[in-house]
């Protein structure tokens, strides 16, 4: 299972790449669509974890296919 916290997603190699508030809003939308599951752990400080649902995992396959197409299309455009 893939599990991420907002803090992990907001920082990459020590650099902030997302603002936590914006990322949280986007994750809530994905939760409403059923693509991610939100799990709130009652700790101090509070910890919220997000994981892909089964349908979210299937959608990830679609995104991966789009990436492959985009790369192939870019190669096609570069060869013209």
Protein backbone atom coordinates (compact mmCIF):
# COMPACT_ATOMS: atom_id res chain seq x y z
CA UNK A 1 0.00 0.00 0.00
CA UNK A 2 1.25 3.47 -0.87
CA UNK A 3 0.83 5.90 2.03
CA UNK A 4 1.89 9.53 2.09
CA UNK A 5 1.61 12.29 4.61
CA UNK A 6 1.13 15.90 3.52
CA UNK A 7 4.56 16.81 4.91
CA UNK A 8 6.25 14.14 2.77
CA UNK A 9 4.41 15.29 -0.34
CA UNK A 10 5.17 18.96 0.29
CA UNK A 11 8.91 18.51 0.54
CA UNK A 12 11.27 16.88 -1.90
CA UNK A 13 14.96 16.64 -1.11
CA UNK A 14 14.53 19.28 1.57
CA UNK A 15 12.86 21.79 -0.76
CA UNK A 16 9.24 22.84 -0.46
CA UNK A 17 7.48 21.99 -3.71
CA UNK A 18 3.84 22.41 -2.62
CA UNK A 19 2.12 24.60 -0.10
CA UNK A 20 0.45 22.29 2.42
CA UNK A 21 -2.90 24.13 2.30
CA UNK A 22 -3.16 23.79 -1.47
CA UNK A 23 -2.14 20.16 -1.40
CA UNK A 24 -4.65 19.40 1.34
CA UNK A 25 -7.45 20.93 -0.77
CA UNK A 26 -6.47 18.82 -3.77
CA UNK A 27 -6.28 15.67 -1.67
CA UNK A 28 -9.75 16.36 -0.26
CA UNK A 29 -11.12 16.60 -3.82
CA UNK A 30 -9.45 13.29 -4.70
CA UNK A 31 -11.01 11.83 -1.56
CA UNK A 32 -14.47 13.06 -2.64
CA UNK A 33 -13.97 11.31 -5.99
CA UNK A 34 -12.99 8.11 -4.19
CA UNK A 35 -9.41 8.05 -5.53
CA UNK A 36 -7.66 8.41 -2.16
CA UNK A 37 -8.46 7.38 1.39
CA UNK A 38 -7.81 9.77 4.27
CA UNK A 39 -6.84 8.29 7.64
CA UNK A 40 -6.60 10.59 10.66
CA UNK A 41 -4.44 9.27 13.48
CA UNK A 42 -5.31 10.77 16.84
CA UNK A 43 -1.78 11.69 17.87
CA UNK A 44 -0.11 14.82 19.14
CA UNK A 45 0.60 16.45 16.80
CA UNK A 46 -2.23 15.07 14.62
CA UNK A 47 -1.10 12.92 11.71
CA UNK A 48 -3.13 12.47 8.54
CA UNK A 49 -2.18 9.81 6.02
CA UNK A 50 -3.47 9.44 2.47
CA UNK A 51 -3.43 6.26 0.45
CA UNK A 52 -4.74 5.26 -2.95
CA UNK A 53 -8.03 3.37 -3.03
CA UNK A 54 -8.44 0.40 -5.35
CA UNK A 55 -10.06 2.62 -7.98
CA UNK A 56 -7.27 5.17 -7.42
CA UNK A 57 -4.70 2.49 -8.21
CA UNK A 58 -6.55 1.68 -11.43
CA UNK A 59 -6.65 5.38 -12.34
CA UNK A 60 -2.90 5.57 -11.75
CA UNK A 61 -2.52 3.05 -14.58
CA UNK A 62 -4.38 5.50 -16.86
CA UNK A 63 -2.04 8.32 -15.82
CA UNK A 64 0.97 6.10 -16.52
CA UNK A 65 -0.41 5.34 -20.00
CA UNK A 66 -0.89 9.06 -20.65
CA UNK A 67 2.72 9.67 -19.66
CA UNK A 68 3.91 7.03 -22.12
CA UNK A 69 1.80 8.60 -24.88
CA UNK A 70 3.04 12.10 -24.04
CA UNK A 71 6.66 10.98 -24.25
CA UNK A 72 6.09 9.19 -27.56
CA UNK A 73 4.21 12.19 -28.94
CA UNK A 74 7.02 14.52 -27.88
CA UNK A 75 9.49 12.27 -29.72
CA UNK A 76 7.22 12.38 -32.77
CA UNK A 77 7.07 16.19 -32.66
CA UNK A 78 10.83 16.46 -32.23
CA UNK A 79 11.43 14.25 -35.26
CA UNK A 80 9.37 16.41 -37.61
